[in-house]
């Protein structure tokens, strides 16, 4: 089982208001299993589509959403769901090309569990990452403040 060097996700319930990310303040640690899977998914989800020099289709349009004006809450949630599905499909394709991905690091699905409006232009977006062995990890997307 391979390990990656990442920051460990903290429990979303412990996320402080106006925090930047659901990561602890400690030094990077080696992670594996569902923790590694969640980090891989988040990296895809938060990478602006078209920003990678030679993998132009990698990433999602979620980072671009953060710079747009919020007009309709319903269309905003629909867009976030689309970006979640996009990142999930991309990671599944990437994992299919790899040999021997362990079940605890193989992506089953990612579900939006909460989309809460905090004020006129900010939201808490929570997802649940589920691996092939049916372990789950709740993740609070970086504090989303839209213009």
N, C-alpha and C. Protein backbone atom coordinates (compact mmCIF):
# COMPACT_ATOMS: atom_id res chain seq x y z
N UNK A 1 0.85 -1.17 0.00
CA UNK A 1 0.00 0.00 0.00
C UNK A 1 0.90 1.23 0.00
N UNK A 2 0.70 2.11 -0.96
CA UNK A 2 1.51 3.32 -1.04
C UNK A 2 0.95 4.39 -0.12
N UNK A 3 1.82 5.31 0.25
CA UNK A 3 1.40 6.44 1.08
C UNK A 3 1.77 7.73 0.37
N UNK A 4 0.98 8.76 0.59
CA UNK A 4 1.24 10.08 0.05
C UNK A 4 1.53 11.03 1.20
N UNK A 5 2.24 12.09 0.90
CA UNK A 5 2.50 13.12 1.89
C UNK A 5 1.45 14.21 1.74
N UNK A 6 0.60 14.35 2.73
CA UNK A 6 -0.48 15.32 2.71
C UNK A 6 -0.67 15.88 4.10
N UNK A 7 -1.55 16.85 4.20
CA UNK A 7 -2.00 17.31 5.49
C UNK A 7 -3.24 16.50 5.85
N UNK A 8 -3.36 16.13 7.10
CA UNK A 8 -4.50 15.31 7.53
C UNK A 8 -5.74 16.18 7.70
N UNK A 9 -6.86 15.72 7.16
CA UNK A 9 -8.13 16.42 7.31
C UNK A 9 -8.57 16.38 8.76
N UNK A 10 -9.15 17.47 9.24
CA UNK A 10 -9.71 17.46 10.58
C UNK A 10 -11.22 17.28 10.48
N UNK A 11 -11.83 16.90 11.57
CA UNK A 11 -13.27 16.71 11.61
C UNK A 11 -13.95 18.03 11.24
N UNK A 12 -14.86 18.02 10.25
CA UNK A 12 -15.51 19.27 9.85
C UNK A 12 -16.22 19.98 10.99
N UNK A 13 -16.68 19.23 11.99
CA UNK A 13 -17.36 19.86 13.11
C UNK A 13 -16.39 20.74 13.91
N UNK A 14 -15.09 20.48 13.78
CA UNK A 14 -14.09 21.27 14.49
C UNK A 14 -13.58 22.44 13.65
N UNK A 15 -14.10 22.58 12.45
CA UNK A 15 -13.69 23.69 11.57
C UNK A 15 -14.08 25.00 12.21
N UNK A 16 -13.16 25.91 12.29
CA UNK A 16 -13.48 27.21 12.88
C UNK A 16 -14.14 28.09 11.83
N UNK A 17 -14.97 28.98 12.26
CA UNK A 17 -15.66 29.88 11.34
C UNK A 17 -14.64 30.70 10.56
N UNK A 18 -14.92 30.91 9.29
CA UNK A 18 -14.05 31.64 8.38
C UNK A 18 -12.69 30.98 8.21
N UNK A 19 -12.62 29.69 8.54
CA UNK A 19 -11.37 28.96 8.35
C UNK A 19 -11.09 28.77 6.87
N UNK A 20 -9.86 28.48 6.55
CA UNK A 20 -9.48 28.36 5.15
C UNK A 20 -9.67 26.97 4.59
N UNK A 21 -9.56 25.95 5.41
CA UNK A 21 -9.58 24.60 4.88
C UNK A 21 -9.80 23.63 6.03
N UNK A 22 -10.21 22.43 5.73
CA UNK A 22 -10.43 21.44 6.78
C UNK A 22 -9.15 20.67 7.06
N UNK A 23 -8.04 21.39 7.13
CA UNK A 23 -6.76 20.76 7.42
C UNK A 23 -6.26 21.26 8.76
N UNK A 24 -5.60 20.38 9.49
CA UNK A 24 -5.02 20.78 10.77
C UNK A 24 -3.81 21.66 10.53
N UNK A 25 -3.28 22.21 11.60
CA UNK A 25 -2.16 23.12 11.48
C UNK A 25 -0.82 22.42 11.67
N UNK A 26 -0.81 21.11 11.85
CA UNK A 26 0.42 20.37 12.06
C UNK A 26 1.22 20.22 10.78
N UNK A 27 2.36 19.62 10.94
CA UNK A 27 3.23 19.35 9.79
C UNK A 27 2.60 18.29 8.90
N UNK A 28 2.98 18.25 7.62
CA UNK A 28 2.46 17.20 6.74
C UNK A 28 2.79 15.82 7.29
N UNK A 29 1.88 14.89 7.09
CA UNK A 29 2.07 13.52 7.53
C UNK A 29 1.82 12.58 6.37
N UNK A 30 2.31 11.38 6.50
CA UNK A 30 2.03 10.37 5.47
C UNK A 30 0.63 9.83 5.71
N UNK A 31 -0.17 9.85 4.68
CA UNK A 31 -1.54 9.37 4.81
C UNK A 31 -1.77 8.22 3.84
N UNK A 32 -2.74 7.41 4.19
CA UNK A 32 -3.12 6.28 3.35
C UNK A 32 -4.61 6.04 3.53
N UNK A 33 -5.13 5.10 2.80
CA UNK A 33 -6.53 4.74 2.94
C UNK A 33 -7.46 5.85 2.52
N UNK A 34 -8.57 5.97 3.24
CA UNK A 34 -9.60 6.95 2.86
C UNK A 34 -9.09 8.37 2.98
N UNK A 35 -8.14 8.60 3.88
CA UNK A 35 -7.56 9.94 4.01
C UNK A 35 -6.83 10.33 2.72
N UNK A 36 -6.05 9.41 2.17
CA UNK A 36 -5.34 9.64 0.92
C UNK A 36 -6.34 9.84 -0.22
N UNK A 37 -7.38 9.03 -0.24
CA UNK A 37 -8.42 9.13 -1.27
C UNK A 37 -9.10 10.50 -1.24
N UNK A 38 -9.47 10.96 -0.04
CA UNK A 38 -10.13 12.26 0.09
C UNK A 38 -9.21 13.38 -0.40
N UNK A 39 -7.94 13.30 -0.08
CA UNK A 39 -6.99 14.32 -0.52
C UNK A 39 -6.85 14.33 -2.04
N UNK A 40 -6.81 13.14 -2.65
CA UNK A 40 -6.71 13.06 -4.11
C UNK A 40 -7.94 13.67 -4.76
N UNK A 41 -9.11 13.36 -4.21
CA UNK A 41 -10.35 13.91 -4.76
C UNK A 41 -10.37 15.43 -4.62
N UNK A 42 -10.00 15.94 -3.43
CA UNK A 42 -9.99 17.38 -3.21
C UNK A 42 -9.04 18.10 -4.15
N UNK A 43 -7.89 17.49 -4.42
CA UNK A 43 -6.94 18.11 -5.33
C UNK A 43 -7.56 18.28 -6.71
N UNK A 44 -8.29 17.27 -7.18
CA UNK A 44 -8.97 17.39 -8.47
C UNK A 44 -10.09 18.43 -8.41
N UNK A 45 -10.88 18.39 -7.36
CA UNK A 45 -12.03 19.28 -7.22
C UNK A 45 -11.60 20.74 -7.17
N UNK A 46 -10.48 21.03 -6.50
CA UNK A 46 -10.04 22.41 -6.31
C UNK A 46 -9.08 22.92 -7.38
N UNK A 47 -8.67 22.04 -8.31
CA UNK A 47 -7.82 22.47 -9.41
C UNK A 47 -8.68 23.13 -10.48
N UNK A 48 -8.37 24.36 -10.85
CA UNK A 48 -9.16 25.00 -11.92
C UNK A 48 -8.97 24.26 -13.25
N UNK A 49 -10.07 23.90 -13.86
CA UNK A 49 -10.02 23.20 -15.15
C UNK A 49 -9.27 24.08 -16.16
N UNK A 50 -8.32 23.45 -16.87
CA UNK A 50 -7.53 24.18 -17.86
C UNK A 50 -6.27 24.81 -17.31
N UNK A 51 -6.03 24.68 -16.01
CA UNK A 51 -4.85 25.33 -15.43
C UNK A 51 -3.59 24.48 -15.47
N UNK A 52 -3.74 23.16 -15.66
CA UNK A 52 -2.57 22.29 -15.71
C UNK A 52 -1.93 22.39 -17.09
N UNK A 53 -0.60 22.54 -17.16
CA UNK A 53 0.06 22.78 -18.46
C UNK A 53 -0.20 21.71 -19.52
N UNK A 54 -0.23 20.43 -19.16
CA UNK A 54 -0.42 19.40 -20.20
C UNK A 54 -1.63 18.50 -19.96
N UNK A 55 -2.36 18.68 -18.87
CA UNK A 55 -3.60 17.94 -18.64
C UNK A 55 -4.73 18.97 -18.52
N UNK A 56 -5.10 19.55 -19.66
CA UNK A 56 -6.04 20.67 -19.69
C UNK A 56 -7.45 20.32 -19.24
N UNK A 57 -7.83 19.05 -19.31
CA UNK A 57 -9.19 18.69 -18.90
C UNK A 57 -9.27 18.30 -17.42
N UNK A 58 -8.15 18.28 -16.75
CA UNK A 58 -8.13 17.90 -15.33
C UNK A 58 -8.61 19.06 -14.47
N UNK A 59 -9.34 18.73 -13.43
CA UNK A 59 -9.86 19.74 -12.51
C UNK A 59 -11.34 20.02 -12.77
N UNK A 60 -11.85 21.01 -12.06
CA UNK A 60 -13.27 21.39 -12.21
C UNK A 60 -13.38 22.90 -12.34
N UNK A 61 -14.58 23.36 -12.58
CA UNK A 61 -14.83 24.79 -12.66
C UNK A 61 -15.22 25.40 -11.32
N UNK A 62 -15.15 24.62 -10.22
CA UNK A 62 -15.50 25.14 -8.90
C UNK A 62 -14.69 26.39 -8.53
N UNK A 63 -13.37 26.40 -8.72
CA UNK A 63 -12.63 27.62 -8.36
C UNK A 63 -13.10 28.86 -9.12
N UNK A 64 -13.57 28.68 -10.34
CA UNK A 64 -14.07 29.83 -11.10
C UNK A 64 -15.41 30.32 -10.54
N UNK A 65 -16.17 29.41 -9.95
CA UNK A 65 -17.45 29.77 -9.35
C UNK A 65 -17.25 30.76 -8.20
N UNK A 66 -16.12 30.63 -7.52
CA UNK A 66 -15.85 31.50 -6.37
C UNK A 66 -15.68 32.96 -6.77
N UNK A 67 -15.38 33.22 -8.03
CA UNK A 67 -15.16 34.60 -8.46
C UNK A 67 -16.37 35.20 -9.16
N UNK A 68 -17.46 34.45 -9.25
CA UNK A 68 -18.67 34.94 -9.91
C UNK A 68 -19.66 35.48 -8.91
N UNK A 69 -20.56 36.31 -9.38
CA UNK A 69 -21.63 36.81 -8.54
C UNK A 69 -22.67 35.71 -8.33
N UNK A 70 -23.14 35.57 -7.10
CA UNK A 70 -24.18 34.60 -6.79
C UNK A 70 -25.52 35.24 -7.07
N UNK A 71 -26.25 34.66 -8.00
CA UNK A 71 -27.56 35.21 -8.36
C UNK A 71 -28.66 34.32 -7.81
N UNK A 72 -28.54 33.02 -8.02
CA UNK A 72 -29.59 32.09 -7.66
C UNK A 72 -29.00 30.93 -6.87
N UNK A 73 -29.47 30.74 -5.64
CA UNK A 73 -28.96 29.68 -4.77
C UNK A 73 -29.16 28.31 -5.39
N UNK A 74 -30.29 28.08 -6.05
CA UNK A 74 -30.58 26.78 -6.66
C UNK A 74 -29.59 26.44 -7.76
N UNK A 75 -29.30 27.41 -8.62
CA UNK A 75 -28.34 27.14 -9.70
C UNK A 75 -26.94 26.97 -9.16
N UNK A 76 -26.63 27.63 -8.06
CA UNK A 76 -25.32 27.48 -7.42
C UNK A 76 -25.15 26.05 -6.91
N UNK A 77 -26.14 25.52 -6.22
CA UNK A 77 -26.06 24.16 -5.71
C UNK A 77 -26.00 23.16 -6.87
N UNK A 78 -26.74 23.40 -7.93
CA UNK A 78 -26.69 22.53 -9.10
C UNK A 78 -25.28 22.51 -9.70
N UNK A 79 -24.66 23.68 -9.78
CA UNK A 79 -23.30 23.76 -10.31
C UNK A 79 -22.32 22.99 -9.42
N UNK A 80 -22.44 23.14 -8.11
CA UNK A 80 -21.55 22.43 -7.19
C UNK A 80 -21.74 20.92 -7.35
N UNK A 81 -22.97 20.45 -7.47
CA UNK A 81 -23.22 19.02 -7.69
C UNK A 81 -22.56 18.54 -8.98
N UNK A 82 -22.63 19.35 -10.03
CA UNK A 82 -21.99 19.00 -11.31
C UNK A 82 -20.47 18.90 -11.14
N UNK A 83 -19.88 19.81 -10.40
CA UNK A 83 -18.42 19.78 -10.20
C UNK A 83 -18.00 18.60 -9.34
N UNK A 84 -18.83 18.23 -8.37
CA UNK A 84 -18.55 17.04 -7.55
C UNK A 84 -18.56 15.80 -8.43
N UNK A 85 -19.56 15.68 -9.29
CA UNK A 85 -19.63 14.53 -10.21
C UNK A 85 -18.45 14.51 -11.17
N UNK A 86 -18.04 15.68 -11.65
CA UNK A 86 -16.91 15.77 -12.57
C UNK A 86 -15.63 15.28 -11.91
N UNK A 87 -15.34 15.77 -10.72
CA UNK A 87 -14.12 15.35 -10.01
C UNK A 87 -14.16 13.85 -9.69
N UNK A 88 -15.33 13.35 -9.33
CA UNK A 88 -15.49 11.93 -9.01
C UNK A 88 -15.23 11.07 -10.24
N UNK A 89 -15.81 11.45 -11.37
CA UNK A 89 -15.61 10.69 -12.61
C UNK A 89 -14.13 10.73 -13.04
N UNK A 90 -13.49 11.87 -12.90
CA UNK A 90 -12.08 11.98 -13.27
C UNK A 90 -11.20 11.07 -12.42
N UNK A 91 -11.43 11.08 -11.10
CA UNK A 91 -10.60 10.25 -10.23
C UNK A 91 -10.84 8.77 -10.49
N UNK A 92 -12.08 8.39 -10.78
CA UNK A 92 -12.36 6.99 -11.11
C UNK A 92 -11.61 6.57 -12.37
N UNK A 93 -11.59 7.45 -13.39
CA UNK A 93 -10.84 7.14 -14.62
C UNK A 93 -9.34 7.01 -14.34
N UNK A 94 -8.82 7.90 -13.53
CA UNK A 94 -7.39 7.84 -13.18
C UNK A 94 -7.08 6.54 -12.46
N UNK A 95 -7.94 6.15 -11.53
CA UNK A 95 -7.70 4.93 -10.76
C UNK A 95 -7.83 3.67 -11.62
N UNK A 96 -8.67 3.70 -12.65
CA UNK A 96 -8.81 2.55 -13.54
C UNK A 96 -7.52 2.27 -14.29
N UNK A 97 -6.73 3.31 -14.53
CA UNK A 97 -5.47 3.15 -15.25
C UNK A 97 -4.35 2.61 -14.36
N UNK A 98 -4.54 2.68 -13.06
CA UNK A 98 -3.53 2.21 -12.11
C UNK A 98 -3.81 0.75 -11.75
N UNK A 99 -2.76 0.01 -11.56
CA UNK A 99 -2.90 -1.39 -11.15
C UNK A 99 -2.85 -1.50 -9.63
N UNK A 100 -3.74 -2.29 -9.07
CA UNK A 100 -3.68 -2.63 -7.65
C UNK A 100 -4.02 -1.51 -6.68
N UNK A 101 -4.99 -0.67 -7.00
CA UNK A 101 -5.43 0.34 -6.04
C UNK A 101 -6.18 -0.38 -4.92
N UNK A 102 -5.72 -0.25 -3.66
CA UNK A 102 -6.40 -0.93 -2.55
C UNK A 102 -7.84 -0.45 -2.39
N UNK A 103 -8.69 -1.31 -1.89
CA UNK A 103 -10.12 -0.98 -1.74
C UNK A 103 -10.33 0.25 -0.86
N UNK A 104 -9.47 0.45 0.15
CA UNK A 104 -9.66 1.60 1.02
C UNK A 104 -9.17 2.91 0.38
N UNK A 105 -8.53 2.81 -0.79
CA UNK A 105 -8.10 4.00 -1.53
C UNK A 105 -8.81 4.13 -2.88
N UNK A 106 -9.67 3.17 -3.20
CA UNK A 106 -10.42 3.19 -4.46
C UNK A 106 -11.74 3.93 -4.24
N UNK A 107 -12.01 4.88 -5.11
CA UNK A 107 -13.21 5.71 -4.96
C UNK A 107 -14.46 4.97 -5.38
N UNK A 108 -15.46 5.01 -4.52
CA UNK A 108 -16.79 4.51 -4.85
C UNK A 108 -17.62 5.70 -5.31
N UNK A 109 -17.82 6.67 -4.41
CA UNK A 109 -18.60 7.86 -4.77
C UNK A 109 -18.31 8.99 -3.80
N UNK A 110 -18.75 10.17 -4.18
CA UNK A 110 -18.70 11.35 -3.32
C UNK A 110 -20.08 11.98 -3.38
N UNK A 111 -20.66 12.22 -2.21
CA UNK A 111 -22.01 12.78 -2.13
C UNK A 111 -22.00 14.12 -1.43
N UNK A 112 -22.80 15.04 -1.94
CA UNK A 112 -23.02 16.30 -1.25
C UNK A 112 -23.93 16.01 -0.07
N UNK A 113 -23.47 16.32 1.14
CA UNK A 113 -24.28 16.04 2.32
C UNK A 113 -24.92 17.29 2.91
N UNK A 114 -24.29 18.44 2.68
CA UNK A 114 -24.87 19.67 3.20
C UNK A 114 -24.41 20.85 2.36
N UNK A 115 -25.34 21.70 2.04
CA UNK A 115 -25.07 22.94 1.31
C UNK A 115 -25.80 24.02 2.08
N UNK A 116 -25.09 24.70 2.97
CA UNK A 116 -25.72 25.64 3.89
C UNK A 116 -25.28 27.06 3.58
N UNK A 117 -26.26 27.93 3.39
CA UNK A 117 -25.94 29.33 3.16
C UNK A 117 -25.69 29.99 4.51
N UNK A 118 -24.51 30.61 4.66
CA UNK A 118 -24.13 31.26 5.91
C UNK A 118 -24.63 32.71 5.92
N UNK A 119 -24.37 33.42 4.84
CA UNK A 119 -24.93 34.75 4.64
C UNK A 119 -25.15 34.93 3.15
N UNK A 120 -25.35 36.14 2.69
CA UNK A 120 -25.72 36.38 1.29
C UNK A 120 -24.71 35.80 0.31
N UNK A 121 -23.43 35.78 0.65
CA UNK A 121 -22.41 35.36 -0.30
C UNK A 121 -21.49 34.26 0.20
N UNK A 122 -21.86 33.54 1.23
CA UNK A 122 -20.96 32.48 1.70
C UNK A 122 -21.75 31.22 2.06
N UNK A 123 -21.08 30.08 1.87
CA UNK A 123 -21.71 28.78 2.03
C UNK A 123 -20.76 27.80 2.70
N UNK A 124 -21.32 26.88 3.45
CA UNK A 124 -20.58 25.70 3.90
C UNK A 124 -21.01 24.56 2.99
N UNK A 125 -20.03 23.90 2.39
CA UNK A 125 -20.30 22.80 1.47
C UNK A 125 -19.62 21.56 2.02
N UNK A 126 -20.41 20.57 2.42
CA UNK A 126 -19.90 19.34 2.99
C UNK A 126 -20.14 18.19 2.02
N UNK A 127 -19.15 17.34 1.87
CA UNK A 127 -19.29 16.14 1.06
C UNK A 127 -18.87 14.93 1.89
N UNK A 128 -19.33 13.77 1.48
CA UNK A 128 -18.93 12.51 2.10
C UNK A 128 -18.24 11.68 1.03
N UNK A 129 -16.98 11.35 1.28
CA UNK A 129 -16.19 10.49 0.39
C UNK A 129 -16.40 9.06 0.84
N UNK A 130 -16.75 8.17 -0.10
CA UNK A 130 -16.99 6.76 0.20
C UNK A 130 -16.05 5.94 -0.67
N UNK A 131 -15.28 5.05 -0.04
CA UNK A 131 -14.36 4.21 -0.81
C UNK A 131 -15.01 2.87 -1.12
N UNK A 132 -14.28 2.02 -1.84
CA UNK A 132 -14.83 0.72 -2.26
C UNK A 132 -15.10 -0.22 -1.11
N UNK A 133 -14.41 -0.03 0.01
CA UNK A 133 -14.67 -0.88 1.17
C UNK A 133 -15.74 -0.27 2.08
N UNK A 134 -16.44 0.76 1.57
CA UNK A 134 -17.59 1.41 2.21
C UNK A 134 -17.23 2.22 3.46
N UNK A 135 -15.97 2.57 3.64
CA UNK A 135 -15.59 3.52 4.69
C UNK A 135 -15.95 4.91 4.19
N UNK A 136 -16.28 5.80 5.12
CA UNK A 136 -16.65 7.15 4.72
C UNK A 136 -15.82 8.18 5.47
N UNK A 137 -15.71 9.35 4.87
CA UNK A 137 -15.03 10.48 5.50
C UNK A 137 -15.78 11.74 5.09
N UNK A 138 -16.22 12.51 6.09
CA UNK A 138 -16.89 13.78 5.80
C UNK A 138 -15.84 14.86 5.62
N UNK A 139 -16.05 15.69 4.60
CA UNK A 139 -15.09 16.73 4.26
C UNK A 139 -15.84 18.04 4.08
N UNK A 140 -15.35 19.08 4.72
CA UNK A 140 -15.89 20.43 4.53
C UNK A 140 -15.03 21.10 3.49
N UNK A 141 -15.63 21.44 2.34
CA UNK A 141 -14.90 22.11 1.27
C UNK A 141 -14.40 23.44 1.83
N UNK A 142 -13.24 23.88 1.40
CA UNK A 142 -12.74 25.15 1.92
C UNK A 142 -13.82 26.21 1.97
N UNK A 143 -13.78 26.98 2.99
CA UNK A 143 -14.81 27.98 3.24
C UNK A 143 -15.11 28.74 1.97
N UNK A 144 -16.32 28.58 1.47
CA UNK A 144 -16.70 29.16 0.18
C UNK A 144 -17.33 30.53 0.40
N UNK A 145 -16.65 31.53 -0.08
CA UNK A 145 -17.19 32.88 -0.02
C UNK A 145 -17.25 33.40 -1.46
N UNK A 146 -18.44 33.57 -1.94
CA UNK A 146 -18.66 33.99 -3.31
C UNK A 146 -18.86 35.50 -3.37
N UNK A 147 -18.53 36.09 -4.48
CA UNK A 147 -18.68 37.55 -4.62
C UNK A 147 -20.11 37.92 -4.90
